[in-house]
Amino acid sequence: MSEQHLEQLDIPTVAELQPIIDFFKTMSDPTRMRIILALAKQPITVTEIAQKLNLSQSSVSHQLSLLKQQRFVTWQRAGKQIFYQLVDDHVLQIYYLTKSHIQEKNGLQRSH
């Protein structure tokens, strides 16, 4: 982040931070994060997610419900099947940035 951006950075109130905190709470659950990554390539059904992640369909449905509430995922009906997909790629961008940050940090720690 540039110095100019840092100078313009306002410290938000707790109320202003709450949606961001809620977003990260949603991402912090391992099952939800694995579902997000399972949806990264293409829309898939609850059954496919459950099989891919070795989870029960009821567990997947519950987590998808929470992900829908937070607007991480959306769905489309095709006949009798419902296909879930990510709303956009922002969540994946945050995942990859975080992963890169951790790998970079771990690399720096090893070199010292």
PDB file of N, CA and C in Angstrom:
ATOM      1  N   MET A   1       0.854  -1.171   0.000  1.00  0.00           N
ATOM      2  CA  MET A   1       0.000   0.000   0.000  1.00  0.00           C
ATOM      3  C   MET A   1       0.898   1.231   0.000  1.00  0.00           C
ATOM      4  N   SER A   2       0.590   2.195  -0.818  1.00  0.00           N
ATOM      5  CA  SER A   2       1.418   3.400  -0.918  1.00  0.00           C
ATOM      6  C   SER A   2       1.235   4.281   0.309  1.00  0.00           C
ATOM      7  N   GLU A   3       2.216   5.163   0.520  1.00  0.00           N
ATOM      8  CA  GLU A   3       2.132   6.091   1.651  1.00  0.00           C
ATOM      9  C   GLU A   3       0.903   6.981   1.537  1.00  0.00           C
ATOM     10  N   GLN A   4       0.562   7.375   0.318  1.00  0.00           N
ATOM     11  CA  GLN A   4      -0.612   8.222   0.103  1.00  0.00           C
ATOM     12  C   GLN A   4      -1.877   7.508   0.569  1.00  0.00           C
ATOM     13  N   HIS A   5      -1.997   6.211   0.255  1.00  0.00           N
ATOM     14  CA  HIS A   5      -3.166   5.452   0.703  1.00  0.00           C
ATOM     15  C   HIS A   5      -3.194   5.341   2.225  1.00  0.00           C
ATOM     16  N   LEU A   6      -2.039   5.149   2.831  1.00  0.00           N
ATOM     17  CA  LEU A   6      -1.990   5.038   4.284  1.00  0.00           C
ATOM     18  C   LEU A   6      -2.384   6.340   4.954  1.00  0.00           C
ATOM     19  N   GLU A   7      -1.981   7.455   4.385  1.00  0.00           N
ATOM     20  CA  GLU A   7      -2.341   8.759   4.950  1.00  0.00           C
ATOM     21  C   GLU A   7      -3.844   8.994   4.871  1.00  0.00           C
ATOM     22  N   GLN A   8      -4.495   8.447   3.848  1.00  0.00           N
ATOM     23  CA  GLN A   8      -5.926   8.650   3.664  1.00  0.00           C
ATOM     24  C   GLN A   8      -6.761   7.600   4.398  1.00  0.00           C
ATOM     25  N   LEU A   9      -6.105   6.625   5.008  1.00  0.00           N
ATOM     26  CA  LEU A   9      -6.813   5.541   5.670  1.00  0.00           C
ATOM     27  C   LEU A   9      -7.486   6.032   6.951  1.00  0.00           C
ATOM     28  N   ASP A  10      -8.808   5.944   6.962  1.00  0.00           N
ATOM     29  CA  ASP A  10      -9.566   6.286   8.161  1.00  0.00           C
ATOM     30  C   ASP A  10      -9.776   5.014   8.964  1.00  0.00           C
ATOM     31  N   ILE A  11      -9.658   5.133  10.261  1.00  0.00           N
ATOM     32  CA  ILE A  11      -9.918   3.984  11.125  1.00  0.00           C
ATOM     33  C   ILE A  11     -11.430   3.861  11.269  1.00  0.00           C
ATOM     34  N   PRO A  12     -11.999   2.769  10.777  1.00  0.00           N
ATOM     35  CA  PRO A  12     -13.466   2.631  10.839  1.00  0.00           C
ATOM     36  C   PRO A  12     -13.950   2.340  12.256  1.00  0.00           C
ATOM     37  N   THR A  13     -15.210   2.613  12.456  1.00  0.00           N
ATOM     38  CA  THR A  13     -15.837   2.256  13.736  1.00  0.00           C
ATOM     39  C   THR A  13     -16.053   0.747  13.753  1.00  0.00           C
ATOM     40  N   VAL A  14     -16.359   0.222  14.914  1.00  0.00           N
ATOM     41  CA  VAL A  14     -16.653  -1.204  15.034  1.00  0.00           C
ATOM     42  C   VAL A  14     -17.863  -1.557  14.169  1.00  0.00           C
ATOM     43  N   ALA A  15     -18.863  -0.700  14.147  1.00  0.00           N
ATOM     44  CA  ALA A  15     -20.055  -0.951  13.334  1.00  0.00           C
ATOM     45  C   ALA A  15     -19.706  -1.000  11.843  1.00  0.00           C
ATOM     46  N   GLU A  16     -18.800  -0.125  11.424  1.00  0.00           N
ATOM     47  CA  GLU A  16     -18.369  -0.119  10.024  1.00  0.00           C
ATOM     48  C   GLU A  16     -17.534  -1.354   9.689  1.00  0.00           C
ATOM     49  N   LEU A  17     -16.803  -1.861  10.670  1.00  0.00           N
ATOM     50  CA  LEU A  17     -15.980  -3.052  10.467  1.00  0.00           C
ATOM     51  C   LEU A  17     -16.779  -4.352  10.488  1.00  0.00           C
ATOM     52  N   GLN A  18     -17.954  -4.330  11.094  1.00  0.00           N
ATOM     53  CA  GLN A  18     -18.706  -5.570  11.319  1.00  0.00           C
ATOM     54  C   GLN A  18     -18.934  -6.395  10.057  1.00  0.00           C
ATOM     55  N   PRO A  19     -19.330  -5.809   8.919  1.00  0.00           N
ATOM     56  CA  PRO A  19     -19.511  -6.641   7.718  1.00  0.00           C
ATOM     57  C   PRO A  19     -18.217  -7.332   7.272  1.00  0.00           C
ATOM     58  N   ILE A  20     -17.089  -6.668   7.466  1.00  0.00           N
ATOM     59  CA  ILE A  20     -15.801  -7.265   7.109  1.00  0.00           C
ATOM     60  C   ILE A  20     -15.467  -8.401   8.071  1.00  0.00           C
ATOM     61  N   ILE A  21     -15.719  -8.169   9.342  1.00  0.00           N
ATOM     62  CA  ILE A  21     -15.485  -9.212  10.345  1.00  0.00           C
ATOM     63  C   ILE A  21     -16.368 -10.426  10.056  1.00  0.00           C
ATOM     64  N   ASP A  22     -17.628 -10.182   9.734  1.00  0.00           N
ATOM     65  CA  ASP A  22     -18.545 -11.276   9.399  1.00  0.00           C
ATOM     66  C   ASP A  22     -18.069 -12.044   8.168  1.00  0.00           C
ATOM     67  N   PHE A  23     -17.564 -11.316   7.184  1.00  0.00           N
ATOM     68  CA  PHE A  23     -17.028 -11.940   5.972  1.00  0.00           C
ATOM     69  C   PHE A  23     -15.902 -12.905   6.335  1.00  0.00           C
ATOM     70  N   PHE A  24     -14.948 -12.453   7.143  1.00  0.00           N
ATOM     71  CA  PHE A  24     -13.826 -13.304   7.516  1.00  0.00           C
ATOM     72  C   PHE A  24     -14.256 -14.454   8.430  1.00  0.00           C
ATOM     73  N   LYS A  25     -15.259 -14.243   9.254  1.00  0.00           N
ATOM     74  CA  LYS A  25     -15.791 -15.350  10.064  1.00  0.00           C
ATOM     75  C   LYS A  25     -16.349 -16.439   9.159  1.00  0.00           C
ATOM     76  N   THR A  26     -17.039 -16.029   8.104  1.00  0.00           N
ATOM     77  CA  THR A  26     -17.592 -16.996   7.156  1.00  0.00           C
ATOM     78  C   THR A  26     -16.465 -17.778   6.501  1.00  0.00           C
ATOM     79  N   MET A  27     -15.419 -17.099   6.094  1.00  0.00           N
ATOM     80  CA  MET A  27     -14.295 -17.764   5.435  1.00  0.00           C
ATOM     81  C   MET A  27     -13.463 -18.604   6.397  1.00  0.00           C
ATOM     82  N   SER A  28     -13.564 -18.357   7.687  1.00  0.00           N
ATOM     83  CA  SER A  28     -12.686 -19.037   8.643  1.00  0.00           C
ATOM     84  C   SER A  28     -13.092 -20.474   8.943  1.00  0.00           C
ATOM     85  N   ASP A  29     -14.266 -20.878   8.526  1.00  0.00           N
ATOM     86  CA  ASP A  29     -14.701 -22.252   8.768  1.00  0.00           C
ATOM     87  C   ASP A  29     -14.096 -23.173   7.695  1.00  0.00           C
ATOM     88  N   PRO A  30     -13.379 -24.226   8.093  1.00  0.00           N
ATOM     89  CA  PRO A  30     -12.727 -25.098   7.108  1.00  0.00           C
ATOM     90  C   PRO A  30     -13.699 -25.747   6.119  1.00  0.00           C
ATOM     91  N   THR A  31     -14.850 -26.171   6.586  1.00  0.00           N
ATOM     92  CA  THR A  31     -15.818 -26.811   5.685  1.00  0.00           C
ATOM     93  C   THR A  31     -16.331 -25.802   4.661  1.00  0.00           C
ATOM     94  N   ARG A  32     -16.671 -24.608   5.105  1.00  0.00           N
ATOM     95  CA  ARG A  32     -17.147 -23.591   4.164  1.00  0.00           C
ATOM     96  C   ARG A  32     -16.053 -23.223   3.160  1.00  0.00           C
ATOM     97  N   MET A  33     -14.814 -23.118   3.623  1.00  0.00           N
ATOM     98  CA  MET A  33     -13.720 -22.768   2.715  1.00  0.00           C
ATOM     99  C   MET A  33     -13.515 -23.869   1.685  1.00  0.00           C
ATOM    100  N   ARG A  34     -13.602 -25.111   2.094  1.00  0.00           N
ATOM    101  CA  ARG A  34     -13.464 -26.222   1.147  1.00  0.00           C
ATOM    102  C   ARG A  34     -14.605 -26.211   0.131  1.00  0.00           C
ATOM    103  N   ILE A  35     -15.814 -25.874   0.568  1.00  0.00           N
ATOM    104  CA  ILE A  35     -16.952 -25.774  -0.360  1.00  0.00           C
ATOM    105  C   ILE A  35     -16.704 -24.643  -1.356  1.00  0.00           C
ATOM    106  N   ILE A  36     -16.236 -23.517  -0.875  1.00  0.00           N
ATOM    107  CA  ILE A  36     -15.922 -22.391  -1.762  1.00  0.00           C
ATOM    108  C   ILE A  36     -14.925 -22.830  -2.832  1.00  0.00           C
ATOM    109  N   LEU A  37     -13.889 -23.534  -2.421  1.00  0.00           N
ATOM    110  CA  LEU A  37     -12.876 -23.981  -3.381  1.00  0.00           C
ATOM    111  C   LEU A  37     -13.433 -25.040  -4.331  1.00  0.00           C
ATOM    112  N   ALA A  38     -14.359 -25.857  -3.851  1.00  0.00           N
ATOM    113  CA  ALA A  38     -14.998 -26.853  -4.724  1.00  0.00           C
ATOM    114  C   ALA A  38     -15.843 -26.170  -5.800  1.00  0.00           C
ATOM    115  N   LEU A  39     -16.373 -25.009  -5.490  1.00  0.00           N
ATOM    116  CA  LEU A  39     -17.203 -24.260  -6.437  1.00  0.00           C
ATOM    117  C   LEU A  39     -16.382 -23.364  -7.372  1.00  0.00           C
ATOM    118  N   ALA A  40     -15.078 -23.317  -7.171  1.00  0.00           N
ATOM    119  CA  ALA A  40     -14.236 -22.374  -7.910  1.00  0.00           C
ATOM    120  C   ALA A  40     -14.221 -22.620  -9.413  1.00  0.00           C
ATOM    121  N   LYS A  41     -14.273 -23.871  -9.830  1.00  0.00           N
ATOM    122  CA  LYS A  41     -14.122 -24.178 -11.250  1.00  0.00           C
ATOM    123  C   LYS A  41     -15.416 -24.107 -12.029  1.00  0.00           C
ATOM    124  N   GLN A  42     -16.495 -24.596 -11.414  1.00  0.00           N
ATOM    125  CA  GLN A  42     -17.759 -24.657 -12.145  1.00  0.00           C
ATOM    126  C   GLN A  42     -18.908 -24.852 -11.170  1.00  0.00           C
ATOM    127  N   PRO A  43     -20.114 -24.525 -11.592  1.00  0.00           N
ATOM    128  CA  PRO A  43     -21.291 -24.775 -10.752  1.00  0.00           C
ATOM    129  C   PRO A  43     -21.472 -26.286 -10.543  1.00  0.00           C
ATOM    130  N   ILE A  44     -21.762 -26.674  -9.313  1.00  0.00           N
ATOM    131  CA  ILE A  44     -21.999 -28.090  -9.004  1.00  0.00           C
ATOM    132  C   ILE A  44     -23.136 -28.235  -8.001  1.00  0.00           C
ATOM    133  N   THR A  45     -23.646 -29.454  -7.908  1.00  0.00           N
ATOM    134  CA  THR A  45     -24.779 -29.750  -7.031  1.00  0.00           C
ATOM    135  C   THR A  45     -24.311 -30.094  -5.615  1.00  0.00           C
ATOM    136  N   VAL A  46     -25.259 -30.127  -4.697  1.00  0.00           N
ATOM    137  CA  VAL A  46     -24.968 -30.526  -3.318  1.00  0.00           C
ATOM    138  C   VAL A  46     -24.382 -31.927  -3.297  1.00  0.00           C
ATOM    139  N   THR A  47     -24.966 -32.825  -4.077  1.00  0.00           N
ATOM    140  CA  THR A  47     -24.482 -34.212  -4.129  1.00  0.00           C
ATOM    141  C   THR A  47     -23.031 -34.267  -4.579  1.00  0.00           C
ATOM    142  N   GLU A  48     -22.695 -33.498  -5.610  1.00  0.00           N
ATOM    143  CA  GLU A  48     -21.317 -33.490  -6.109  1.00  0.00           C
ATOM    144  C   GLU A  48     -20.353 -32.911  -5.080  1.00  0.00           C
ATOM    145  N   ILE A  49     -20.774 -31.850  -4.400  1.00  0.00           N
ATOM    146  CA  ILE A  49     -19.931 -31.261  -3.352  1.00  0.00           C
ATOM    147  C   ILE A  49     -19.714 -32.273  -2.239  1.00  0.00           C
ATOM    148  N   ALA A  50     -20.789 -32.909  -1.797  1.00  0.00           N
ATOM    149  CA  ALA A  50     -20.700 -33.899  -0.713  1.00  0.00           C
ATOM    150  C   ALA A  50     -19.750 -35.029  -1.082  1.00  0.00           C
ATOM    151  N   GLN A  51     -19.851 -35.526  -2.302  1.00  0.00           N
ATOM    152  CA  GLN A  51     -18.969 -36.610  -2.750  1.00  0.00           C
ATOM    153  C   GLN A  51     -17.525 -36.142  -2.829  1.00  0.00           C
ATOM    154  N   LYS A  52     -17.316 -34.987  -3.412  1.00  0.00           N
ATOM    155  CA  LYS A  52     -15.962 -34.449  -3.602  1.00  0.00           C
ATOM    156  C   LYS A  52     -15.262 -34.212  -2.268  1.00  0.00           C
ATOM    157  N   LEU A  53     -16.010 -33.749  -1.268  1.00  0.00           N
ATOM    158  CA  LEU A  53     -15.425 -33.382   0.023  1.00  0.00           C
ATOM    159  C   LEU A  53     -15.639 -34.425   1.109  1.00  0.00           C
ATOM    160  N   ASN A  54     -16.294 -35.543   0.744  1.00  0.00           N
ATOM    161  CA  ASN A  54     -16.581 -36.612   1.705  1.00  0.00           C
ATOM    162  C   ASN A  54     -17.356 -36.083   2.918  1.00  0.00           C
ATOM    163  N   LEU A  55     -18.431 -35.364   2.621  1.00  0.00           N
ATOM    164  CA  LEU A  55     -19.311 -34.799   3.640  1.00  0.00           C
ATOM    165  C   LEU A  55     -20.732 -35.294   3.416  1.00  0.00           C
ATOM    166  N   SER A  56     -21.562 -35.168   4.429  1.00  0.00           N
ATOM    167  CA  SER A  56     -22.972 -35.518   4.247  1.00  0.00           C
ATOM    168  C   SER A  56     -23.669 -34.408   3.459  1.00  0.00           C
ATOM    169  N   GLN A  57     -24.716 -34.775   2.749  1.00  0.00           N
ATOM    170  CA  GLN A  57     -25.474 -33.778   2.000  1.00  0.00           C
ATOM    171  C   GLN A  57     -26.108 -32.752   2.926  1.00  0.00           C
ATOM    172  N   SER A  58     -26.546 -33.199   4.110  1.00  0.00           N
ATOM    173  CA  SER A  58     -27.163 -32.246   5.041  1.00  0.00           C
ATOM    174  C   SER A  58     -26.140 -31.235   5.547  1.00  0.00           C
ATOM    175  N   SER A  59     -24.911 -31.669   5.774  1.00  0.00           N
ATOM    176  CA  SER A  59     -23.854 -30.753   6.205  1.00  0.00           C
ATOM    177  C   SER A  59     -23.553 -29.741   5.107  1.00  0.00           C
ATOM    178  N   VAL A  60     -23.459 -30.210   3.877  1.00  0.00           N
ATOM    179  CA  VAL A  60     -23.193 -29.322   2.745  1.00  0.00           C
ATOM    180  C   VAL A  60     -24.345 -28.325   2.585  1.00  0.00           C
ATOM    181  N   SER A  61     -25.562 -28.808   2.667  1.00  0.00           N
ATOM    182  CA  SER A  61     -26.734 -27.926   2.524  1.00  0.00           C
ATOM    183  C   SER A  61     -26.738 -26.848   3.597  1.00  0.00           C
ATOM    184  N   HIS A  62     -26.415 -27.231   4.818  1.00  0.00           N
ATOM    185  CA  HIS A  62     -26.368 -26.265   5.918  1.00  0.00           C
ATOM    186  C   HIS A  62     -25.317 -25.188   5.640  1.00  0.00           C
ATOM    187  N   GLN A  63     -24.126 -25.603   5.242  1.00  0.00           N
ATOM    188  CA  GLN A  63     -23.054 -24.646   4.977  1.00  0.00           C
ATOM    189  C   GLN A  63     -23.387 -23.764   3.773  1.00  0.00           C
ATOM    190  N   LEU A  64     -24.003 -24.346   2.748  1.00  0.00           N
ATOM    191  CA  LEU A  64     -24.408 -23.545   1.587  1.00  0.00           C
ATOM    192  C   LEU A  64     -25.443 -22.493   1.974  1.00  0.00           C
ATOM    193  N   SER A  65     -26.311 -22.844   2.889  1.00  0.00           N
ATOM    194  CA  SER A  65     -27.301 -21.882   3.365  1.00  0.00           C
ATOM    195  C   SER A  65     -26.614 -20.673   4.001  1.00  0.00           C
ATOM    196  N   LEU A  66     -25.604 -20.924   4.820  1.00  0.00           N
ATOM    197  CA  LEU A  66     -24.844 -19.829   5.437  1.00  0.00           C
ATOM    198  C   LEU A  66     -24.088 -19.024   4.380  1.00  0.00           C
ATOM    199  N   LEU A  67     -23.526 -19.715   3.408  1.00  0.00           N
ATOM    200  CA  LEU A  67     -22.805 -19.027   2.338  1.00  0.00           C
ATOM    201  C   LEU A  67     -23.741 -18.180   1.477  1.00  0.00           C
ATOM    202  N   LYS A  68     -24.967 -18.654   1.291  1.00  0.00           N
ATOM    203  CA  LYS A  68     -25.958 -17.859   0.544  1.00  0.00           C
ATOM    204  C   LYS A  68     -26.332 -16.610   1.323  1.00  0.00           C
ATOM    205  N   GLN A  69     -26.525 -16.753   2.643  1.00  0.00           N
ATOM    206  CA  GLN A  69     -26.887 -15.601   3.484  1.00  0.00           C
ATOM    207  C   GLN A  69     -25.822 -14.507   3.407  1.00  0.00           C
ATOM    208  N   GLN A  70     -24.568 -14.901   3.333  1.00  0.00           N
ATOM    209  CA  GLN A  70     -23.467 -13.941   3.273  1.00  0.00           C
ATOM    210  C   GLN A  70     -23.135 -13.531   1.837  1.00  0.00           C
ATOM    211  N   ARG A  71     -23.934 -14.013   0.888  1.00  0.00           N
ATOM    212  CA  ARG A  71     -23.785 -13.694  -0.542  1.00  0.00           C
ATOM    213  C   ARG A  71     -22.450 -14.139  -1.124  1.00  0.00           C
ATOM    214  N   PHE A  72     -21.971 -15.301  -0.666  1.00  0.00           N
ATOM    215  CA  PHE A  72     -20.781 -15.907  -1.252  1.00  0.00           C
ATOM    216  C   PHE A  72     -21.177 -16.764  -2.457  1.00  0.00           C
ATOM    217  N   VAL A  73     -22.347 -17.410  -2.355  1.00  0.00           N
ATOM    218  CA  VAL A  73     -22.789 -18.308  -3.417  1.00  0.00           C
ATOM    219  C   VAL A  73     -24.196 -17.959  -3.881  1.00  0.00           C
ATOM    220  N   THR A  74     -24.492 -18.426  -5.071  1.00  0.00           N
ATOM    221  CA  THR A  74     -25.821 -18.303  -5.640  1.00  0.00           C
ATOM    222  C   THR A  74     -26.166 -19.654  -6.258  1.00  0.00           C
ATOM    223  N   TRP A  75     -27.372 -19.792  -6.743  1.00  0.00           N
ATOM    224  CA  TRP A  75     -27.773 -21.072  -7.313  1.00  0.00           C
ATOM    225  C   TRP A  75     -28.672 -20.857  -8.513  1.00  0.00           C
ATOM    226  N   GLN A  76     -28.722 -21.924  -9.338  1.00  0.00           N
ATOM    227  CA  GLN A  76     -29.622 -21.940 -10.482  1.00  0.00           C
ATOM    228  C   GLN A  76     -30.225 -23.326 -10.593  1.00  0.00           C
ATOM    229  N   ARG A  77     -31.497 -23.361 -10.897  1.00  0.00           N
ATOM    230  CA  ARG A  77     -32.177 -24.641 -11.085  1.00  0.00           C
ATOM    231  C   ARG A  77     -32.063 -25.038 -12.553  1.00  0.00           C
ATOM    232  N   ALA A  78     -31.770 -26.315 -12.769  1.00  0.00           N
ATOM    233  CA  ALA A  78     -31.748 -26.903 -14.113  1.00  0.00           C
ATOM    234  C   ALA A  78     -32.545 -28.202 -14.024  1.00  0.00           C
ATOM    235  N   GLY A  79     -33.814 -28.123 -14.383  1.00  0.00           N
ATOM    236  CA  GLY A  79     -34.693 -29.281 -14.206  1.00  0.00           C
ATOM    237  C   GLY A  79     -34.921 -29.503 -12.727  1.00  0.00           C
ATOM    238  N   LYS A  80     -34.596 -30.711 -12.262  1.00  0.00           N
ATOM    239  CA  LYS A  80     -34.774 -31.033 -10.838  1.00  0.00           C
ATOM    240  C   LYS A  80     -33.519 -30.757 -10.010  1.00  0.00           C
ATOM    241  N   GLN A  81     -32.440 -30.422 -10.688  1.00  0.00           N
ATOM    242  CA  GLN A  81     -31.187 -30.205  -9.974  1.00  0.00           C
ATOM    243  C   GLN A  81     -30.941 -28.717  -9.725  1.00  0.00           C
ATOM    244  N   ILE A  82     -30.252 -28.458  -8.618  1.00  0.00           N
ATOM    245  CA  ILE A  82     -29.847 -27.094  -8.284  1.00  0.00           C
ATOM    246  C   ILE A  82     -28.324 -27.047  -8.310  1.00  0.00           C
ATOM    247  N   PHE A  83     -27.802 -26.117  -9.081  1.00  0.00           N
ATOM    248  CA  PHE A  83     -26.362 -25.938  -9.209  1.00  0.00           C
ATOM    249  C   PHE A  83     -25.942 -24.687  -8.448  1.00  0.00           C
ATOM    250  N   TYR A  84     -24.935 -24.863  -7.602  1.00  0.00           N
ATOM    251  CA  TYR A  84     -24.408 -23.753  -6.815  1.00  0.00           C
ATOM    252  C   TYR A  84     -23.133 -23.238  -7.456  1.00  0.00           C
ATOM    253  N   GLN A  85     -22.936 -21.919  -7.340  1.00  0.00           N
ATOM    254  CA  GLN A  85     -21.732 -21.304  -7.874  1.00  0.00           C
ATOM    255  C   GLN A  85     -21.376 -20.093  -7.027  1.00  0.00           C
ATOM    256  N   LEU A  86     -20.132 -19.662  -7.151  1.00  0.00           N
ATOM    257  CA  LEU A  86     -19.701 -18.460  -6.440  1.00  0.00           C
ATOM    258  C   LEU A  86     -20.346 -17.243  -7.077  1.00  0.00           C
ATOM    259  N   VAL A  87     -20.680 -16.266  -6.267  1.00  0.00           N
ATOM    260  CA  VAL A  87     -21.285 -15.030  -6.770  1.00  0.00           C
ATOM    261  C   VAL A  87     -20.293 -14.303  -7.673  1.00  0.00           C
ATOM    262  N   ASP A  88     -19.026 -14.253  -7.249  1.00  0.00           N
ATOM    263  CA  ASP A  88     -17.960 -13.638  -8.036  1.00  0.00           C
ATOM    264  C   ASP A  88     -16.634 -14.227  -7.571  1.00  0.00           C
ATOM    265  N   ASP A  89     -15.538 -13.733  -8.091  1.00  0.00           N
ATOM    266  CA  ASP A  89     -14.245 -14.319  -7.721  1.00  0.00           C
ATOM    267  C   ASP A  89     -13.520 -13.565  -6.603  1.00  0.00           C
ATOM    268  N   HIS A  90     -14.184 -12.630  -5.949  1.00  0.00           N
ATOM    269  CA  HIS A  90     -13.531 -11.886  -4.867  1.00  0.00           C
ATOM    270  C   HIS A  90     -13.059 -12.796  -3.743  1.00  0.00           C
ATOM    271  N   VAL A  91     -13.862 -13.766  -3.374  1.00  0.00           N
ATOM    272  CA  VAL A  91     -13.492 -14.674  -2.289  1.00  0.00           C
ATOM    273  C   VAL A  91     -12.233 -15.455  -2.678  1.00  0.00           C
ATOM    274  N   LEU A  92     -12.178 -15.897  -3.926  1.00  0.00           N
ATOM    275  CA  LEU A  92     -10.994 -16.620  -4.392  1.00  0.00           C
ATOM    276  C   LEU A  92      -9.766 -15.716  -4.413  1.00  0.00           C
ATOM    277  N   GLN A  93      -9.951 -14.469  -4.790  1.00  0.00           N
ATOM    278  CA  GLN A  93      -8.827 -13.528  -4.776  1.00  0.00           C
ATOM    279  C   GLN A  93      -8.283 -13.369  -3.360  1.00  0.00           C
ATOM    280  N   ILE A  94      -9.173 -13.246  -2.396  1.00  0.00           N
ATOM    281  CA  ILE A  94      -8.750 -13.112  -0.995  1.00  0.00           C
ATOM    282  C   ILE A  94      -8.048 -14.379  -0.533  1.00  0.00           C
ATOM    283  N   TYR A  95      -8.577 -15.527  -0.917  1.00  0.00           N
ATOM    284  CA  TYR A  95      -7.950 -16.809  -0.579  1.00  0.00           C
ATOM    285  C   TYR A  95      -6.526 -16.861  -1.132  1.00  0.00           C
ATOM    286  N   TYR A  96      -6.360 -16.564  -2.419  1.00  0.00           N
ATOM    287  CA  TYR A  96      -5.037 -16.647  -3.042  1.00  0.00           C
ATOM    288  C   TYR A  96      -4.074 -15.592  -2.495  1.00  0.00           C
ATOM    289  N   LEU A  97      -4.566 -14.398  -2.204  1.00  0.00           N
ATOM    290  CA  LEU A  97      -3.706 -13.375  -1.589  1.00  0.00           C
ATOM    291  C   LEU A  97      -3.240 -13.825  -0.202  1.00  0.00           C
ATOM    292  N   THR A  98      -4.149 -14.399   0.563  1.00  0.00           N
ATOM    293  CA  THR A  98      -3.807 -14.878   1.901  1.00  0.00           C
ATOM    294  C   THR A  98      -2.811 -16.022   1.821  1.00  0.00           C
ATOM    295  N   LYS A  99      -3.065 -16.950   0.918  1.00  0.00           N
ATOM    296  CA  LYS A  99      -2.161 -18.090   0.739  1.00  0.00           C
ATOM    297  C   LYS A  99      -0.772 -17.602   0.332  1.00  0.00           C
ATOM    298  N   SER A 100      -0.709 -16.658  -0.590  1.00  0.00           N
ATOM    299  CA  SER A 100       0.564 -16.089  -1.031  1.00  0.00           C
ATOM    300  C   SER A 100       1.280 -15.396   0.124  1.00  0.00           C
ATOM    301  N   HIS A 101       0.527 -14.650   0.917  1.00  0.00           N
ATOM    302  CA  HIS A 101       1.098 -13.952   2.070  1.00  0.00           C
ATOM    303  C   HIS A 101       1.719 -14.956   3.043  1.00  0.00           C
ATOM    304  N   ILE A 102       1.012 -16.033   3.322  1.00  0.00           N
ATOM    305  CA  ILE A 102       1.502 -17.047   4.265  1.00  0.00           C
ATOM    306  C   ILE A 102       2.745 -17.738   3.713  1.00  0.00           C
ATOM    307  N   GLN A 103       2.717 -18.086   2.429  1.00  0.00           N
ATOM    308  CA  GLN A 103       3.881 -18.730   1.821  1.00  0.00           C
ATOM    309  C   GLN A 103       5.087 -17.799   1.841  1.00  0.00           C
ATOM    310  N   GLU A 104       4.851 -16.530   1.544  1.00  0.00           N
ATOM    311  CA  GLU A 104       5.926 -15.544   1.566  1.00  0.00           C
ATOM    312  C   GLU A 104       6.477 -15.398   2.985  1.00  0.00           C
ATOM    313  N   LYS A 105       5.589 -15.302   3.950  1.00  0.00           N
ATOM    314  CA  LYS A 105       5.979 -15.159   5.353  1.00  0.00           C
ATOM    315  C   LYS A 105       6.782 -16.380   5.796  1.00  0.00           C
ATOM    316  N   ASN A 106       6.313 -17.571   5.441  1.00  0.00           N
ATOM    317  CA  ASN A 106       7.004 -18.797   5.821  1.00  0.00           C
ATOM    318  C   ASN A 106       8.374 -18.883   5.156  1.00  0.00           C
ATOM    319  N   GLY A 107       8.464 -18.415   3.916  1.00  0.00           N
ATOM    320  CA  GLY A 107       9.749 -18.392   3.224  1.00  0.00           C
ATOM    321  C   GLY A 107      10.732 -17.457   3.894  1.00  0.00           C
ATOM    322  N   LEU A 108      10.248 -16.300   4.341  1.00  0.00           N
ATOM    323  CA  LEU A 108      11.104 -15.336   5.022  1.00  0.00           C
ATOM    324  C   LEU A 108      11.569 -15.879   6.366  1.00  0.00           C
ATOM    325  N   GLN A 109      10.702 -16.587   7.062  1.00  0.00           N
ATOM    326  CA  GLN A 109      11.073 -17.140   8.360  1.00  0.00           C
ATOM    327  C   GLN A 109      12.152 -18.213   8.224  1.00  0.00           C
ATOM    328  N   ARG A 110      12.083 -19.006   7.163  1.00  0.00           N
ATOM    329  CA  ARG A 110      13.069 -20.066   6.960  1.00  0.00           C
ATOM    330  C   ARG A 110      14.454 -19.503   6.641  1.00  0.00           C
ATOM    331  N   SER A 111      14.484 -18.342   5.978  1.00  0.00           N
ATOM    332  CA  SER A 111      15.772 -17.791   5.564  1.00  0.00           C
ATOM    333  C   SER A 111      16.528 -17.096   6.696  1.00  0.00           C
ATOM    334  N   HIS A 112      15.858 -16.864   7.832  1.00  0.00           N
ATOM    335  CA  HIS A 112      16.518 -16.183   8.952  1.00  0.00           C
ATOM    336  C   HIS A 112      17.100 -17.149   9.944  1.00  0.00           C
TER     337      HIS A 112
END
